[in-house]
Amino acid sequence: MRIITALVIGLTLPAAADDLTASATDLGLEGTVWVSRGEGPVRKDITYEFEPDGVLVFSYGGATYRTGKWEQDGDRVYFELNQKYRECRATIHGDRIEGRSWNKPGLQWTTVMVRSAKKK
């Protein structure tokens, strides 16, 4: 009984090497592309590309920007664009990400994005 207890405890403890990058890889967010339709104050479709090392590339209105950052912890994701002009905290639900966004002027809105078939 003591051996089994020790094994169960050992399995539930996080490994010392665990970090946000490992979590992102396990859930497959890194390297994926997501799209939101008519989102936020811009009311445009926005494409998000979650690149390695926390780089978030986003595109809308015919322009692409590399001024975003992201991090993930399990099914939770946080990202910011343009040095925190806009921020978002969301939860991954399979092929959907849903959460709340806000910006410096104080606007808040719901963010919903779906996984794109396009892969980098």
PDB file of N, CA and C in Angstrom:
ATOM      1  N   MET A   1       0.807  -1.198   0.000  1.00  0.00           N
ATOM      2  CA  MET A   1       0.000   0.000   0.000  1.00  0.00           C
ATOM      3  C   MET A   1       0.849   1.259   0.000  1.00  0.00           C
ATOM      4  N   ARG A   2       1.907   1.283   0.734  1.00  0.00           N
ATOM      5  CA  ARG A   2       2.777   2.453   0.751  1.00  0.00           C
ATOM      6  C   ARG A   2       3.433   2.691  -0.599  1.00  0.00           C
ATOM      7  N   ILE A   3       3.816   1.658  -1.298  1.00  0.00           N
ATOM      8  CA  ILE A   3       4.437   1.813  -2.615  1.00  0.00           C
ATOM      9  C   ILE A   3       3.442   2.418  -3.596  1.00  0.00           C
ATOM     10  N   ILE A   4       2.216   1.932  -3.597  1.00  0.00           N
ATOM     11  CA  ILE A   4       1.193   2.474  -4.498  1.00  0.00           C
ATOM     12  C   ILE A   4       0.943   3.938  -4.175  1.00  0.00           C
ATOM     13  N   THR A   5       0.836   4.283  -2.900  1.00  0.00           N
ATOM     14  CA  THR A   5       0.633   5.676  -2.510  1.00  0.00           C
ATOM     15  C   THR A   5       1.776   6.548  -2.999  1.00  0.00           C
ATOM     16  N   ALA A   6       2.991   6.080  -2.848  1.00  0.00           N
ATOM     17  CA  ALA A   6       4.154   6.841  -3.309  1.00  0.00           C
ATOM     18  C   ALA A   6       4.114   7.028  -4.814  1.00  0.00           C
ATOM     19  N   LEU A   7       3.681   6.002  -5.555  1.00  0.00           N
ATOM     20  CA  LEU A   7       3.596   6.133  -7.008  1.00  0.00           C
ATOM     21  C   LEU A   7       2.521   7.129  -7.415  1.00  0.00           C
ATOM     22  N   VAL A   8       1.375   7.075  -6.756  1.00  0.00           N
ATOM     23  CA  VAL A   8       0.298   8.007  -7.093  1.00  0.00           C
ATOM     24  C   VAL A   8       0.733   9.432  -6.798  1.00  0.00           C
ATOM     25  N   ILE A   9       1.340   9.646  -5.660  1.00  0.00           N
ATOM     26  CA  ILE A   9       1.824  10.986  -5.325  1.00  0.00           C
ATOM     27  C   ILE A   9       2.866  11.424  -6.345  1.00  0.00           C
ATOM     28  N   GLY A  10       3.755  10.532  -6.711  1.00  0.00           N
ATOM     29  CA  GLY A  10       4.777  10.858  -7.695  1.00  0.00           C
ATOM     30  C   GLY A  10       4.192  11.228  -9.042  1.00  0.00           C
ATOM     31  N   LEU A  11       3.083  10.604  -9.420  1.00  0.00           N
ATOM     32  CA  LEU A  11       2.461  10.909 -10.706  1.00  0.00           C
ATOM     33  C   LEU A  11       1.743  12.249 -10.695  1.00  0.00           C
ATOM     34  N   THR A  12       1.283  12.675  -9.532  1.00  0.00           N
ATOM     35  CA  THR A  12       0.527  13.922  -9.501  1.00  0.00           C
ATOM     36  C   THR A  12       1.407  15.153  -9.329  1.00  0.00           C
ATOM     37  N   LEU A  13       2.647  14.968  -8.946  1.00  0.00           N
ATOM     38  CA  LEU A  13       3.535  16.114  -8.786  1.00  0.00           C
ATOM     39  C   LEU A  13       4.026  16.600 -10.142  1.00  0.00           C
ATOM     40  N   PRO A  14       4.039  17.913 -10.376  1.00  0.00           N
ATOM     41  CA  PRO A  14       4.548  18.417 -11.656  1.00  0.00           C
ATOM     42  C   PRO A  14       6.045  18.202 -11.777  1.00  0.00           C
ATOM     43  N   ALA A  15       6.490  17.915 -12.974  1.00  0.00           N
ATOM     44  CA  ALA A  15       7.922  17.752 -13.214  1.00  0.00           C
ATOM     45  C   ALA A  15       8.601  19.103 -13.141  1.00  0.00           C
ATOM     46  N   ALA A  16       9.836  19.122 -12.691  1.00  0.00           N
ATOM     47  CA  ALA A  16      10.574  20.380 -12.549  1.00  0.00           C
ATOM     48  C   ALA A  16      10.761  21.076 -13.885  1.00  0.00           C
ATOM     49  N   ALA A  17      10.781  20.331 -14.978  1.00  0.00           N
ATOM     50  CA  ALA A  17      11.037  20.918 -16.293  1.00  0.00           C
ATOM     51  C   ALA A  17       9.778  21.495 -16.940  1.00  0.00           C
ATOM     52  N   ASP A  18       8.590  21.296 -16.302  1.00  0.00           N
ATOM     53  CA  ASP A  18       7.356  21.820 -16.885  1.00  0.00           C
ATOM     54  C   ASP A  18       7.412  23.335 -16.961  1.00  0.00           C
ATOM     55  N   ASP A  19       6.961  23.900 -18.088  1.00  0.00           N
ATOM     56  CA  ASP A  19       6.856  25.345 -18.227  1.00  0.00           C
ATOM     57  C   ASP A  19       5.769  25.654 -19.234  1.00  0.00           C
ATOM     58  N   LEU A  20       5.518  26.923 -19.516  1.00  0.00           N
ATOM     59  CA  LEU A  20       4.452  27.285 -20.443  1.00  0.00           C
ATOM     60  C   LEU A  20       4.695  26.738 -21.835  1.00  0.00           C
ATOM     61  N   THR A  21       5.939  26.670 -22.269  1.00  0.00           N
ATOM     62  CA  THR A  21       6.248  26.155 -23.602  1.00  0.00           C
ATOM     63  C   THR A  21       5.868  24.680 -23.714  1.00  0.00           C
ATOM     64  N   ALA A  22       6.163  23.897 -22.682  1.00  0.00           N
ATOM     65  CA  ALA A  22       5.813  22.476 -22.700  1.00  0.00           C
ATOM     66  C   ALA A  22       4.306  22.308 -22.769  1.00  0.00           C
ATOM     67  N   SER A  23       3.547  23.098 -21.999  1.00  0.00           N
ATOM     68  CA  SER A  23       2.097  23.011 -22.019  1.00  0.00           C
ATOM     69  C   SER A  23       1.549  23.357 -23.397  1.00  0.00           C
ATOM     70  N   ALA A  24       2.090  24.393 -24.017  1.00  0.00           N
ATOM     71  CA  ALA A  24       1.620  24.798 -25.340  1.00  0.00           C
ATOM     72  C   ALA A  24       1.826  23.690 -26.350  1.00  0.00           C
ATOM     73  N   THR A  25       2.967  23.033 -26.296  1.00  0.00           N
ATOM     74  CA  THR A  25       3.252  21.960 -27.232  1.00  0.00           C
ATOM     75  C   THR A  25       2.316  20.782 -27.005  1.00  0.00           C
ATOM     76  N   ASP A  26       2.062  20.429 -25.746  1.00  0.00           N
ATOM     77  CA  ASP A  26       1.198  19.296 -25.425  1.00  0.00           C
ATOM     78  C   ASP A  26      -0.217  19.490 -25.964  1.00  0.00           C
ATOM     79  N   LEU A  27      -0.762  20.693 -25.854  1.00  0.00           N
ATOM     80  CA  LEU A  27      -2.112  20.964 -26.314  1.00  0.00           C
ATOM     81  C   LEU A  27      -2.162  21.393 -27.772  1.00  0.00           C
ATOM     82  N   GLY A  28      -1.046  21.601 -28.369  1.00  0.00           N
ATOM     83  CA  GLY A  28      -0.998  21.896 -29.795  1.00  0.00           C
ATOM     84  C   GLY A  28      -1.314  23.329 -30.176  1.00  0.00           C
ATOM     85  N   LEU A  29      -1.296  24.290 -29.239  1.00  0.00           N
ATOM     86  CA  LEU A  29      -1.575  25.675 -29.612  1.00  0.00           C
ATOM     87  C   LEU A  29      -0.430  26.285 -30.415  1.00  0.00           C
ATOM     88  N   GLU A  30       0.792  25.992 -30.031  1.00  0.00           N
ATOM     89  CA  GLU A  30       1.951  26.521 -30.752  1.00  0.00           C
ATOM     90  C   GLU A  30       1.939  26.019 -32.199  1.00  0.00           C
ATOM     91  N   GLY A  31       2.093  26.950 -33.134  1.00  0.00           N
ATOM     92  CA  GLY A  31       2.117  26.595 -34.550  1.00  0.00           C
ATOM     93  C   GLY A  31       0.741  26.510 -35.185  1.00  0.00           C
ATOM     94  N   THR A  32      -0.315  26.845 -34.432  1.00  0.00           N
ATOM     95  CA  THR A  32      -1.669  26.784 -34.992  1.00  0.00           C
ATOM     96  C   THR A  32      -2.152  28.164 -35.405  1.00  0.00           C
ATOM     97  N   VAL A  33      -3.201  28.169 -36.211  1.00  0.00           N
ATOM     98  CA  VAL A  33      -3.802  29.403 -36.720  1.00  0.00           C
ATOM     99  C   VAL A  33      -5.276  29.397 -36.324  1.00  0.00           C
ATOM    100  N   TRP A  34      -5.751  30.547 -35.838  1.00  0.00           N
ATOM    101  CA  TRP A  34      -7.125  30.693 -35.355  1.00  0.00           C
ATOM    102  C   TRP A  34      -7.738  31.939 -35.992  1.00  0.00           C
ATOM    103  N   VAL A  35      -9.079  31.931 -36.144  1.00  0.00           N
ATOM    104  CA  VAL A  35      -9.770  33.052 -36.773  1.00  0.00           C
ATOM    105  C   VAL A  35     -10.966  33.461 -35.922  1.00  0.00           C
ATOM    106  N   SER A  36     -11.130  34.772 -35.750  1.00  0.00           N
ATOM    107  CA  SER A  36     -12.340  35.313 -35.121  1.00  0.00           C
ATOM    108  C   SER A  36     -13.077  36.128 -36.181  1.00  0.00           C
ATOM    109  N   ARG A  37     -14.392  36.148 -36.091  1.00  0.00           N
ATOM    110  CA  ARG A  37     -15.222  36.847 -37.079  1.00  0.00           C
ATOM    111  C   ARG A  37     -15.834  38.107 -36.481  1.00  0.00           C
ATOM    112  N   GLY A  38     -15.574  39.240 -37.079  1.00  0.00           N
ATOM    113  CA  GLY A  38     -16.183  40.502 -36.663  1.00  0.00           C
ATOM    114  C   GLY A  38     -15.927  40.851 -35.209  1.00  0.00           C
ATOM    115  N   GLU A  39     -14.712  40.669 -34.764  1.00  0.00           N
ATOM    116  CA  GLU A  39     -14.397  40.793 -33.348  1.00  0.00           C
ATOM    117  C   GLU A  39     -14.123  42.221 -32.898  1.00  0.00           C
ATOM    118  N   GLY A  40     -14.563  42.516 -31.689  1.00  0.00           N
ATOM    119  CA  GLY A  40     -14.182  43.725 -30.968  1.00  0.00           C
ATOM    120  C   GLY A  40     -14.493  45.023 -31.675  1.00  0.00           C
ATOM    121  N   PRO A  41     -13.822  46.080 -31.243  1.00  0.00           N
ATOM    122  CA  PRO A  41     -14.090  47.412 -31.786  1.00  0.00           C
ATOM    123  C   PRO A  41     -13.794  47.530 -33.285  1.00  0.00           C
ATOM    124  N   VAL A  42     -12.859  46.743 -33.804  1.00  0.00           N
ATOM    125  CA  VAL A  42     -12.531  46.840 -35.232  1.00  0.00           C
ATOM    126  C   VAL A  42     -13.587  46.167 -36.102  1.00  0.00           C
ATOM    127  N   ARG A  43     -14.366  45.264 -35.508  1.00  0.00           N
ATOM    128  CA  ARG A  43     -15.441  44.545 -36.219  1.00  0.00           C
ATOM    129  C   ARG A  43     -14.961  43.912 -37.521  1.00  0.00           C
ATOM    130  N   LYS A  44     -13.756  43.392 -37.486  1.00  0.00           N
ATOM    131  CA  LYS A  44     -13.192  42.722 -38.661  1.00  0.00           C
ATOM    132  C   LYS A  44     -12.808  41.304 -38.286  1.00  0.00           C
ATOM    133  N   ASP A  45     -12.667  40.470 -39.315  1.00  0.00           N
ATOM    134  CA  ASP A  45     -12.134  39.135 -39.081  1.00  0.00           C
ATOM    135  C   ASP A  45     -10.660  39.281 -38.733  1.00  0.00           C
ATOM    136  N   ILE A  46     -10.224  38.565 -37.713  1.00  0.00           N
ATOM    137  CA  ILE A  46      -8.831  38.622 -37.285  1.00  0.00           C
ATOM    138  C   ILE A  46      -8.265  37.213 -37.295  1.00  0.00           C
ATOM    139  N   THR A  47      -7.090  37.056 -37.888  1.00  0.00           N
ATOM    140  CA  THR A  47      -6.388  35.773 -37.892  1.00  0.00           C
ATOM    141  C   THR A  47      -5.234  35.865 -36.904  1.00  0.00           C
ATOM    142  N   TYR A  48      -5.120  34.834 -36.059  1.00  0.00           N
ATOM    143  CA  TYR A  48      -4.060  34.772 -35.051  1.00  0.00           C
ATOM    144  C   TYR A  48      -3.178  33.562 -35.331  1.00  0.00           C
ATOM    145  N   GLU A  49      -1.878  33.768 -35.361  1.00  0.00           N
ATOM    146  CA  GLU A  49      -0.923  32.674 -35.540  1.00  0.00           C
ATOM    147  C   GLU A  49      -0.056  32.601 -34.288  1.00  0.00           C
ATOM    148  N   PHE A  50      -0.168  31.485 -33.555  1.00  0.00           N
ATOM    149  CA  PHE A  50       0.568  31.288 -32.307  1.00  0.00           C
ATOM    150  C   PHE A  50       1.921  30.672 -32.631  1.00  0.00           C
ATOM    151  N   GLU A  51       2.918  31.511 -32.721  1.00  0.00           N
ATOM    152  CA  GLU A  51       4.264  31.063 -33.094  1.00  0.00           C
ATOM    153  C   GLU A  51       5.070  30.663 -31.859  1.00  0.00           C
ATOM    154  N   PRO A  52       6.188  29.949 -32.084  1.00  0.00           N
ATOM    155  CA  PRO A  52       7.063  29.573 -30.965  1.00  0.00           C
ATOM    156  C   PRO A  52       7.586  30.798 -30.212  1.00  0.00           C
ATOM    157  N   ASP A  53       8.038  30.550 -29.021  1.00  0.00           N
ATOM    158  CA  ASP A  53       8.653  31.578 -28.166  1.00  0.00           C
ATOM    159  C   ASP A  53       7.692  32.707 -27.805  1.00  0.00           C
ATOM    160  N   GLY A  54       6.390  32.409 -27.799  1.00  0.00           N
ATOM    161  CA  GLY A  54       5.412  33.393 -27.354  1.00  0.00           C
ATOM    162  C   GLY A  54       5.119  34.522 -28.319  1.00  0.00           C
ATOM    163  N   VAL A  55       5.476  34.368 -29.587  1.00  0.00           N
ATOM    164  CA  VAL A  55       5.197  35.404 -30.588  1.00  0.00           C
ATOM    165  C   VAL A  55       3.799  35.168 -31.160  1.00  0.00           C
ATOM    166  N   LEU A  56       2.975  36.212 -31.123  1.00  0.00           N
ATOM    167  CA  LEU A  56       1.630  36.133 -31.691  1.00  0.00           C
ATOM    168  C   LEU A  56       1.549  37.068 -32.886  1.00  0.00           C
ATOM    169  N   VAL A  57       1.331  36.481 -34.050  1.00  0.00           N
ATOM    170  CA  VAL A  57       1.174  37.239 -35.288  1.00  0.00           C
ATOM    171  C   VAL A  57      -0.327  37.374 -35.528  1.00  0.00           C
ATOM    172  N   PHE A  58      -0.794  38.579 -35.823  1.00  0.00           N
ATOM    173  CA  PHE A  58      -2.222  38.759 -36.082  1.00  0.00           C
ATOM    174  C   PHE A  58      -2.403  39.592 -37.338  1.00  0.00           C
ATOM    175  N   SER A  59      -3.492  39.291 -38.048  1.00  0.00           N
ATOM    176  CA  SER A  59      -3.760  39.952 -39.325  1.00  0.00           C
ATOM    177  C   SER A  59      -5.223  40.377 -39.387  1.00  0.00           C
ATOM    178  N   TYR A  60      -5.454  41.585 -39.896  1.00  0.00           N
ATOM    179  CA  TYR A  60      -6.806  42.053 -40.196  1.00  0.00           C
ATOM    180  C   TYR A  60      -6.705  43.255 -41.118  1.00  0.00           C
ATOM    181  N   GLY A  61      -7.772  43.488 -41.873  1.00  0.00           N
ATOM    182  CA  GLY A  61      -7.805  44.647 -42.763  1.00  0.00           C
ATOM    183  C   GLY A  61      -6.700  44.659 -43.800  1.00  0.00           C
ATOM    184  N   GLY A  62      -6.187  43.485 -44.175  1.00  0.00           N
ATOM    185  CA  GLY A  62      -5.146  43.404 -45.184  1.00  0.00           C
ATOM    186  C   GLY A  62      -3.733  43.629 -44.676  1.00  0.00           C
ATOM    187  N   ALA A  63      -3.557  43.808 -43.373  1.00  0.00           N
ATOM    188  CA  ALA A  63      -2.219  44.025 -42.804  1.00  0.00           C
ATOM    189  C   ALA A  63      -1.903  42.934 -41.774  1.00  0.00           C
ATOM    190  N   THR A  64      -0.624  42.631 -41.627  1.00  0.00           N
ATOM    191  CA  THR A  64      -0.158  41.631 -40.675  1.00  0.00           C
ATOM    192  C   THR A  64       0.826  42.284 -39.712  1.00  0.00           C
ATOM    193  N   TYR A  65       0.681  41.938 -38.438  1.00  0.00           N
ATOM    194  CA  TYR A  65       1.505  42.521 -37.381  1.00  0.00           C
ATOM    195  C   TYR A  65       2.164  41.411 -36.552  1.00  0.00           C
ATOM    196  N   ARG A  66       3.373  41.667 -36.093  1.00  0.00           N
ATOM    197  CA  ARG A  66       4.101  40.712 -35.247  1.00  0.00           C
ATOM    198  C   ARG A  66       4.328  41.308 -33.855  1.00  0.00           C
ATOM    199  N   THR A  67       3.402  42.116 -33.387  1.00  0.00           N
ATOM    200  CA  THR A  67       3.579  42.819 -32.120  1.00  0.00           C
ATOM    201  C   THR A  67       2.759  42.196 -30.993  1.00  0.00           C
ATOM    202  N   GLY A  68       2.446  40.923 -31.135  1.00  0.00           N
ATOM    203  CA  GLY A  68       1.686  40.238 -30.095  1.00  0.00           C
ATOM    204  C   GLY A  68       2.540  39.246 -29.334  1.00  0.00           C
ATOM    205  N   LYS A  69       2.124  38.966 -28.105  1.00  0.00           N
ATOM    206  CA  LYS A  69       2.774  37.957 -27.272  1.00  0.00           C
ATOM    207  C   LYS A  69       1.700  37.072 -26.667  1.00  0.00           C
ATOM    208  N   TRP A  70       2.045  35.811 -26.441  1.00  0.00           N
ATOM    209  CA  TRP A  70       1.078  34.889 -25.843  1.00  0.00           C
ATOM    210  C   TRP A  70       1.783  33.932 -24.890  1.00  0.00           C
ATOM    211  N   GLU A  71       0.975  33.390 -23.967  1.00  0.00           N
ATOM    212  CA  GLU A  71       1.453  32.336 -23.084  1.00  0.00           C
ATOM    213  C   GLU A  71       0.264  31.445 -22.742  1.00  0.00           C
ATOM    214  N   GLN A  72       0.573  30.222 -22.407  1.00  0.00           N
ATOM    215  CA  GLN A  72      -0.472  29.246 -22.146  1.00  0.00           C
ATOM    216  C   GLN A  72      -0.133  28.464 -20.893  1.00  0.00           C
ATOM    217  N   ASP A  73      -1.174  28.154 -20.129  1.00  0.00           N
ATOM    218  CA  ASP A  73      -1.054  27.305 -18.958  1.00  0.00           C
ATOM    219  C   ASP A  73      -2.227  26.336 -18.995  1.00  0.00           C
ATOM    220  N   GLY A  74      -1.965  25.110 -19.440  1.00  0.00           N
ATOM    221  CA  GLY A  74      -3.043  24.133 -19.587  1.00  0.00           C
ATOM    222  C   GLY A  74      -4.014  24.580 -20.660  1.00  0.00           C
ATOM    223  N   ASP A  75      -5.310  24.710 -20.279  1.00  0.00           N
ATOM    224  CA  ASP A  75      -6.312  25.139 -21.258  1.00  0.00           C
ATOM    225  C   ASP A  75      -6.533  26.653 -21.227  1.00  0.00           C
ATOM    226  N   ARG A  76      -5.756  27.366 -20.441  1.00  0.00           N
ATOM    227  CA  ARG A  76      -5.874  28.823 -20.342  1.00  0.00           C
ATOM    228  C   ARG A  76      -4.829  29.495 -21.216  1.00  0.00           C
ATOM    229  N   VAL A  77      -5.252  30.558 -21.896  1.00  0.00           N
ATOM    230  CA  VAL A  77      -4.321  31.307 -22.739  1.00  0.00           C
ATOM    231  C   VAL A  77      -4.489  32.799 -22.451  1.00  0.00           C
ATOM    232  N   TYR A  78      -3.383  33.483 -22.440  1.00  0.00           N
ATOM    233  CA  TYR A  78      -3.374  34.936 -22.292  1.00  0.00           C
ATOM    234  C   TYR A  78      -2.590  35.483 -23.479  1.00  0.00           C
ATOM    235  N   PHE A  79      -3.088  36.558 -24.087  1.00  0.00           N
ATOM    236  CA  PHE A  79      -2.290  37.230 -25.099  1.00  0.00           C
ATOM    237  C   PHE A  79      -2.496  38.728 -25.014  1.00  0.00           C
ATOM    238  N   GLU A  80      -1.498  39.428 -25.528  1.00  0.00           N
ATOM    239  CA  GLU A  80      -1.574  40.888 -25.600  1.00  0.00           C
ATOM    240  C   GLU A  80      -1.032  41.331 -26.946  1.00  0.00           C
ATOM    241  N   LEU A  81      -1.578  42.435 -27.417  1.00  0.00           N
ATOM    242  CA  LEU A  81      -1.183  42.995 -28.706  1.00  0.00           C
ATOM    243  C   LEU A  81      -0.713  44.430 -28.506  1.00  0.00           C
ATOM    244  N   ASN A  82       0.286  44.824 -29.273  1.00  0.00           N
ATOM    245  CA  ASN A  82       0.766  46.209 -29.277  1.00  0.00           C
ATOM    246  C   ASN A  82       1.100  46.723 -27.879  1.00  0.00           C
ATOM    247  N   GLN A  83       1.999  46.009 -27.213  1.00  0.00           N
ATOM    248  CA  GLN A  83       2.471  46.399 -25.875  1.00  0.00           C
ATOM    249  C   GLN A  83       1.315  46.624 -24.902  1.00  0.00           C
ATOM    250  N   LYS A  84       0.409  45.668 -24.887  1.00  0.00           N
ATOM    251  CA  LYS A  84      -0.756  45.624 -23.983  1.00  0.00           C
ATOM    252  C   LYS A  84      -1.812  46.686 -24.275  1.00  0.00           C
ATOM    253  N   TYR A  85      -1.828  47.187 -25.514  1.00  0.00           N
ATOM    254  CA  TYR A  85      -2.948  48.060 -25.885  1.00  0.00           C
ATOM    255  C   TYR A  85      -4.242  47.254 -25.788  1.00  0.00           C
ATOM    256  N   ARG A  86      -4.147  45.983 -26.213  1.00  0.00           N
ATOM    257  CA  ARG A  86      -5.268  45.059 -26.098  1.00  0.00           C
ATOM    258  C   ARG A  86      -4.771  43.810 -25.394  1.00  0.00           C
ATOM    259  N   GLU A  87      -5.601  43.266 -24.498  1.00  0.00           N
ATOM    260  CA  GLU A  87      -5.272  42.039 -23.785  1.00  0.00           C
ATOM    261  C   GLU A  87      -6.460  41.089 -23.827  1.00  0.00           C
ATOM    262  N   CYS A  88      -6.186  39.809 -23.625  1.00  0.00           N
ATOM    263  CA  CYS A  88      -7.242  38.803 -23.620  1.00  0.00           C
ATOM    264  C   CYS A  88      -6.859  37.654 -22.697  1.00  0.00           C
ATOM    265  N   ARG A  89      -7.825  37.174 -21.925  1.00  0.00           N
ATOM    266  CA  ARG A  89      -7.696  35.945 -21.149  1.00  0.00           C
ATOM    267  C   ARG A  89      -8.806  35.025 -21.627  1.00  0.00           C
ATOM    268  N   ALA A  90      -8.413  33.813 -22.014  1.00  0.00           N
ATOM    269  CA  ALA A  90      -9.391  32.916 -22.615  1.00  0.00           C
ATOM    270  C   ALA A  90      -9.112  31.467 -22.230  1.00  0.00           C
ATOM    271  N   THR A  91     -10.062  30.615 -22.603  1.00  0.00           N
ATOM    272  CA  THR A  91      -9.963  29.188 -22.347  1.00  0.00           C
ATOM    273  C   THR A  91     -10.108  28.437 -23.667  1.00  0.00           C
ATOM    274  N   ILE A  92      -9.286  27.423 -23.839  1.00  0.00           N
ATOM    275  CA  ILE A  92      -9.341  26.585 -25.034  1.00  0.00           C
ATOM    276  C   ILE A  92     -10.368  25.487 -24.803  1.00  0.00           C
ATOM    277  N   HIS A  93     -11.288  25.355 -25.750  1.00  0.00           N
ATOM    278  CA  HIS A  93     -12.314  24.316 -25.721  1.00  0.00           C
ATOM    279  C   HIS A  93     -12.222  23.545 -27.037  1.00  0.00           C
ATOM    280  N   GLY A  94     -11.255  22.657 -27.156  1.00  0.00           N
ATOM    281  CA  GLY A  94     -11.083  21.899 -28.394  1.00  0.00           C
ATOM    282  C   GLY A  94     -10.675  22.809 -29.529  1.00  0.00           C
ATOM    283  N   ASP A  95     -11.569  22.957 -30.528  1.00  0.00           N
ATOM    284  CA  ASP A  95     -11.282  23.795 -31.692  1.00  0.00           C
ATOM    285  C   ASP A  95     -11.823  25.217 -31.538  1.00  0.00           C
ATOM    286  N   ARG A  96     -12.122  25.628 -30.309  1.00  0.00           N
ATOM    287  CA  ARG A  96     -12.599  26.985 -30.022  1.00  0.00           C
ATOM    288  C   ARG A  96     -11.792  27.571 -28.876  1.00  0.00           C
ATOM    289  N   ILE A  97     -11.554  28.862 -28.942  1.00  0.00           N
ATOM    290  CA  ILE A  97     -10.987  29.610 -27.827  1.00  0.00           C
ATOM    291  C   ILE A  97     -12.001  30.698 -27.504  1.00  0.00           C
ATOM    292  N   GLU A  98     -12.401  30.788 -26.242  1.00  0.00           N
ATOM    293  CA  GLU A  98     -13.393  31.769 -25.826  1.00  0.00           C
ATOM    294  C   GLU A  98     -12.891  32.508 -24.601  1.00  0.00           C
ATOM    295  N   GLY A  99     -13.086  33.816 -24.584  1.00  0.00           N
ATOM    296  CA  GLY A  99     -12.647  34.579 -23.426  1.00  0.00           C
ATOM    297  C   GLY A  99     -13.071  36.029 -23.481  1.00  0.00           C
ATOM    298  N   ARG A 100     -12.432  36.817 -22.622  1.00  0.00           N
ATOM    299  CA  ARG A 100     -12.724  38.242 -22.505  1.00  0.00           C
ATOM    300  C   ARG A 100     -11.525  39.056 -22.940  1.00  0.00           C
ATOM    301  N   SER A 101     -11.782  40.079 -23.731  1.00  0.00           N
ATOM    302  CA  SER A 101     -10.739  41.003 -24.170  1.00  0.00           C
ATOM    303  C   SER A 101     -11.053  42.387 -23.645  1.00  0.00           C
ATOM    304  N   TRP A 102     -10.014  43.199 -23.521  1.00  0.00           N
ATOM    305  CA  TRP A 102     -10.152  44.588 -23.111  1.00  0.00           C
ATOM    306  C   TRP A 102      -9.002  45.383 -23.704  1.00  0.00           C
ATOM    307  N   ASN A 103      -9.184  46.699 -23.789  1.00  0.00           N
ATOM    308  CA  ASN A 103      -8.111  47.542 -24.325  1.00  0.00           C
ATOM    309  C   ASN A 103      -7.889  48.762 -23.430  1.00  0.00           C
ATOM    310  N   LYS A 104      -6.863  49.526 -23.739  1.00  0.00           N
ATOM    311  CA  LYS A 104      -6.499  50.686 -22.906  1.00  0.00           C
ATOM    312  C   LYS A 104      -7.608  51.733 -22.807  1.00  0.00           C
ATOM    313  N   PRO A 105      -8.380  51.991 -23.886  1.00  0.00           N
ATOM    314  CA  PRO A 105      -9.470  52.965 -23.739  1.00  0.00           C
ATOM    315  C   PRO A 105     -10.598  52.485 -22.814  1.00  0.00           C
ATOM    316  N   GLY A 106     -10.551  51.202 -22.394  1.00  0.00           N
ATOM    317  CA  GLY A 106     -11.547  50.694 -21.459  1.00  0.00           C
ATOM    318  C   GLY A 106     -12.657  49.864 -22.061  1.00  0.00           C
ATOM    319  N   LEU A 107     -12.612  49.627 -23.359  1.00  0.00           N
ATOM    320  CA  LEU A 107     -13.622  48.770 -23.983  1.00  0.00           C
ATOM    321  C   LEU A 107     -13.384  47.314 -23.580  1.00  0.00           C
ATOM    322  N   GLN A 108     -14.469  46.548 -23.471  1.00  0.00           N
ATOM    323  CA  GLN A 108     -14.393  45.114 -23.177  1.00  0.00           C
ATOM    324  C   GLN A 108     -15.316  44.383 -24.134  1.00  0.00           C
ATOM    325  N   TRP A 109     -14.928  43.167 -24.510  1.00  0.00           N
ATOM    326  CA  TRP A 109     -15.749  42.384 -25.412  1.00  0.00           C
ATOM    327  C   TRP A 109     -15.410  40.903 -25.282  1.00  0.00           C
ATOM    328  N   THR A 110     -16.314  40.087 -25.822  1.00  0.00           N
ATOM    329  CA  THR A 110     -16.116  38.642 -25.847  1.00  0.00           C
ATOM    330  C   THR A 110     -15.289  38.285 -27.072  1.00  0.00           C
ATOM    331  N   THR A 111     -14.316  37.435 -26.864  1.00  0.00           N
ATOM    332  CA  THR A 111     -13.489  36.940 -27.968  1.00  0.00           C
ATOM    333  C   THR A 111     -13.809  35.472 -28.183  1.00  0.00           C
ATOM    334  N   VAL A 112     -14.138  35.130 -29.419  1.00  0.00           N
ATOM    335  CA  VAL A 112     -14.362  33.738 -29.802  1.00  0.00           C
ATOM    336  C   VAL A 112     -13.585  33.508 -31.080  1.00  0.00           C
ATOM    337  N   MET A 113     -12.714  32.508 -31.063  1.00  0.00           N
ATOM    338  CA  MET A 113     -11.988  32.162 -32.283  1.00  0.00           C
ATOM    339  C   MET A 113     -12.054  30.663 -32.508  1.00  0.00           C
ATOM    340  N   VAL A 114     -11.977  30.269 -33.767  1.00  0.00           N
ATOM    341  CA  VAL A 114     -12.007  28.859 -34.121  1.00  0.00           C
ATOM    342  C   VAL A 114     -10.715  28.500 -34.837  1.00  0.00           C
ATOM    343  N   ARG A 115     -10.315  27.259 -34.657  1.00  0.00           N
ATOM    344  CA  ARG A 115      -9.086  26.776 -35.289  1.00  0.00           C
ATOM    345  C   ARG A 115      -9.272  26.780 -36.805  1.00  0.00           C
ATOM    346  N   SER A 116      -8.279  27.305 -37.491  1.00  0.00           N
ATOM    347  CA  SER A 116      -8.295  27.342 -38.950  1.00  0.00           C
ATOM    348  C   SER A 116      -7.730  26.055 -39.491  1.00  0.00           C
ATOM    349  N   ALA A 117      -8.153  25.660 -40.671  1.00  0.00           N
ATOM    350  CA  ALA A 117      -7.584  24.480 -41.312  1.00  0.00           C
ATOM    351  C   ALA A 117      -6.149  24.729 -41.726  1.00  0.00           C
ATOM    352  N   LYS A 118      -5.805  26.009 -41.884  1.00  0.00           N
ATOM    353  CA  LYS A 118      -4.455  26.398 -42.293  1.00  0.00           C
ATOM    354  C   LYS A 118      -3.483  26.147 -41.151  1.00  0.00           C
ATOM    355  N   LYS A 119      -2.406  25.452 -41.420  1.00  0.00           N
ATOM    356  CA  LYS A 119      -1.341  25.201 -40.441  1.00  0.00           C
ATOM    357  C   LYS A 119      -0.078  25.776 -40.990  1.00  0.00           C
ATOM    358  N   LYS A 120       0.750  26.321 -40.096  1.00  0.00           N
ATOM    359  CA  LYS A 120       2.035  26.834 -40.519  1.00  0.00           C
ATOM    360  C   LYS A 120       2.984  25.707 -40.774  1.00  0.00           C
TER     361      LYS A 120
END
